[in-house]
N, C-alpha and C. Protein backbone atom coordinates (compact mmCIF):
# COMPACT_ATOMS: atom_id res chain seq x y z
N MET A 1 230.95 198.42 75.35
CA MET A 1 229.50 198.45 75.28
C MET A 1 229.04 199.91 75.15
N THR A 2 227.98 200.11 74.40
CA THR A 2 227.45 201.45 74.17
C THR A 2 226.82 202.02 75.44
N ASP A 3 227.10 203.28 75.71
CA ASP A 3 226.51 203.98 76.85
C ASP A 3 225.09 204.38 76.48
N MET A 4 224.11 203.66 76.99
CA MET A 4 222.70 203.87 76.64
C MET A 4 222.17 205.21 77.13
N THR A 5 222.88 205.87 78.02
CA THR A 5 222.43 207.19 78.50
C THR A 5 222.83 208.30 77.52
N LYS A 6 223.70 208.01 76.57
CA LYS A 6 224.20 209.02 75.64
C LYS A 6 223.73 208.85 74.21
N TYR A 7 223.24 207.67 73.84
CA TYR A 7 222.96 207.39 72.43
C TYR A 7 221.57 206.81 72.23
N LYS A 8 221.03 207.05 71.05
CA LYS A 8 219.77 206.48 70.60
C LYS A 8 220.03 205.78 69.28
N ASN A 9 219.05 205.03 68.80
CA ASN A 9 219.19 204.29 67.56
C ASN A 9 218.12 204.76 66.58
N VAL A 10 218.41 204.76 65.29
CA VAL A 10 217.44 205.09 64.26
C VAL A 10 217.46 204.01 63.18
N SER A 11 216.33 203.86 62.52
CA SER A 11 216.24 202.95 61.37
C SER A 11 216.06 203.79 60.12
N LEU A 12 216.74 203.40 59.07
CA LEU A 12 216.69 204.15 57.81
C LEU A 12 216.33 203.21 56.68
N SER A 13 215.65 203.75 55.68
CA SER A 13 215.42 202.95 54.47
C SER A 13 216.77 202.77 53.77
N LYS A 14 216.84 201.77 52.93
CA LYS A 14 218.08 201.52 52.19
C LYS A 14 218.41 202.70 51.29
N GLU A 15 217.38 203.31 50.71
CA GLU A 15 217.59 204.46 49.84
C GLU A 15 218.19 205.64 50.63
N THR A 16 217.66 205.91 51.81
CA THR A 16 218.18 206.99 52.65
C THR A 16 219.62 206.69 53.05
N TYR A 17 219.91 205.45 53.35
CA TYR A 17 221.27 205.06 53.71
C TYR A 17 222.24 205.34 52.56
N LYS A 18 221.81 205.02 51.33
CA LYS A 18 222.65 205.29 50.15
C LYS A 18 222.91 206.79 49.98
N VAL A 19 221.87 207.59 50.21
CA VAL A 19 222.03 209.04 50.12
C VAL A 19 223.01 209.53 51.17
N LEU A 20 222.90 209.02 52.38
CA LEU A 20 223.81 209.42 53.45
C LEU A 20 225.25 209.02 53.14
N GLU A 21 225.44 207.86 52.53
CA GLU A 21 226.80 207.46 52.12
C GLU A 21 227.37 208.45 51.11
N ALA A 22 226.55 208.86 50.15
CA ALA A 22 227.01 209.82 49.14
C ALA A 22 227.31 211.17 49.79
N LEU A 23 226.44 211.62 50.68
CA LEU A 23 226.66 212.89 51.37
C LEU A 23 227.92 212.86 52.22
N SER A 24 228.19 211.74 52.85
CA SER A 24 229.38 211.65 53.71
C SER A 24 230.65 211.85 52.89
N LYS A 25 230.64 211.40 51.64
CA LYS A 25 231.81 211.57 50.77
C LYS A 25 231.97 213.02 50.33
N VAL A 26 230.87 213.74 50.23
CA VAL A 26 230.92 215.16 49.86
C VAL A 26 231.38 215.98 51.06
N ILE A 27 230.88 215.65 52.25
CA ILE A 27 231.22 216.40 53.46
C ILE A 27 232.70 216.23 53.79
N LEU A 28 233.22 215.02 53.66
CA LEU A 28 234.63 214.74 53.98
C LEU A 28 235.23 213.91 52.85
N PRO A 29 235.61 214.56 51.74
CA PRO A 29 236.06 213.82 50.55
C PRO A 29 237.32 212.98 50.74
N ASP A 30 238.23 213.40 51.59
CA ASP A 30 239.49 212.67 51.74
C ASP A 30 239.50 211.72 52.93
N GLY A 31 238.36 211.52 53.56
CA GLY A 31 238.31 210.66 54.74
C GLY A 31 237.08 209.80 54.75
N ARG A 32 236.85 209.18 55.86
CA ARG A 32 235.70 208.30 56.04
C ARG A 32 234.84 208.87 57.15
N LEU A 33 233.62 209.24 56.81
CA LEU A 33 232.68 209.77 57.79
C LEU A 33 231.59 208.73 57.99
N SER A 34 231.37 208.32 59.23
CA SER A 34 230.35 207.31 59.51
C SER A 34 228.96 207.86 59.20
N ILE A 35 228.01 206.97 59.04
CA ILE A 35 226.63 207.38 58.81
C ILE A 35 226.12 208.15 60.03
N SER A 36 226.44 207.70 61.22
CA SER A 36 226.02 208.41 62.44
C SER A 36 226.57 209.83 62.48
N LYS A 37 227.83 209.97 62.16
CA LYS A 37 228.45 211.30 62.17
C LYS A 37 227.90 212.17 61.05
N THR A 38 227.58 211.57 59.91
CA THR A 38 226.97 212.31 58.81
C THR A 38 225.62 212.88 59.24
N ILE A 39 224.81 212.05 59.90
CA ILE A 39 223.52 212.52 60.40
C ILE A 39 223.72 213.65 61.40
N GLU A 40 224.70 213.51 62.28
CA GLU A 40 224.99 214.53 63.28
C GLU A 40 225.39 215.86 62.62
N VAL A 41 226.28 215.80 61.63
CA VAL A 41 226.74 217.01 60.94
C VAL A 41 225.58 217.70 60.24
N LEU A 42 224.77 216.93 59.51
CA LEU A 42 223.64 217.51 58.78
C LEU A 42 222.60 218.10 59.72
N THR A 43 222.35 217.43 60.83
CA THR A 43 221.38 217.92 61.81
C THR A 43 221.84 219.23 62.44
N ASN A 44 223.10 219.28 62.82
CA ASN A 44 223.63 220.51 63.42
C ASN A 44 223.64 221.66 62.42
N GLU A 45 223.97 221.36 61.17
CA GLU A 45 223.98 222.39 60.14
C GLU A 45 222.56 222.95 59.93
N LYS A 46 221.58 222.08 59.86
CA LYS A 46 220.20 222.52 59.68
C LYS A 46 219.72 223.33 60.88
N ALA A 47 220.06 222.92 62.08
CA ALA A 47 219.68 223.66 63.28
C ALA A 47 220.28 225.06 63.28
N ARG A 48 221.55 225.18 62.85
CA ARG A 48 222.19 226.50 62.75
C ARG A 48 221.47 227.38 61.73
N LYS A 49 221.09 226.79 60.60
CA LYS A 49 220.42 227.56 59.55
C LYS A 49 219.04 228.04 59.99
N LEU A 50 218.41 227.31 60.89
CA LEU A 50 217.11 227.73 61.41
C LEU A 50 217.25 228.83 62.45
N ASN A 51 218.48 229.15 62.80
CA ASN A 51 218.81 230.33 63.61
C ASN A 51 217.99 230.46 64.89
N GLY A 52 218.04 229.44 65.71
CA GLY A 52 217.39 229.53 67.01
C GLY A 52 215.91 229.18 67.03
N LYS A 53 215.34 228.78 65.90
CA LYS A 53 213.92 228.43 65.86
C LYS A 53 213.66 227.04 66.43
N VAL A 54 214.71 226.26 66.59
CA VAL A 54 214.59 224.92 67.15
C VAL A 54 214.91 224.98 68.63
N LYS A 55 213.97 224.56 69.45
CA LYS A 55 214.17 224.54 70.90
C LYS A 55 214.35 223.11 71.34
N VAL A 56 215.50 222.81 71.91
CA VAL A 56 215.82 221.46 72.36
C VAL A 56 215.91 221.45 73.87
N LYS A 57 215.13 220.55 74.49
CA LYS A 57 215.23 220.41 75.95
C LYS A 57 216.40 219.50 76.25
N ARG A 58 217.34 220.00 76.98
CA ARG A 58 218.52 219.21 77.39
C ARG A 58 218.29 218.67 78.78
N SER A 59 218.63 217.39 78.96
CA SER A 59 218.47 216.81 80.30
C SER A 59 219.74 216.76 81.06
């Protein structure tokens, strides 16, 4: 069972889902990257590029 204290859920349009599938193949061409992990990788990359401009409250 999913640990509800660690995870959230998102809804995506079918078009966005297709884009994420394509991006996952570019990020990891020789493997399988889940949509969740693809979102995580892209989010972390964007946060790094913003160089500290994003403030996240950690609980």
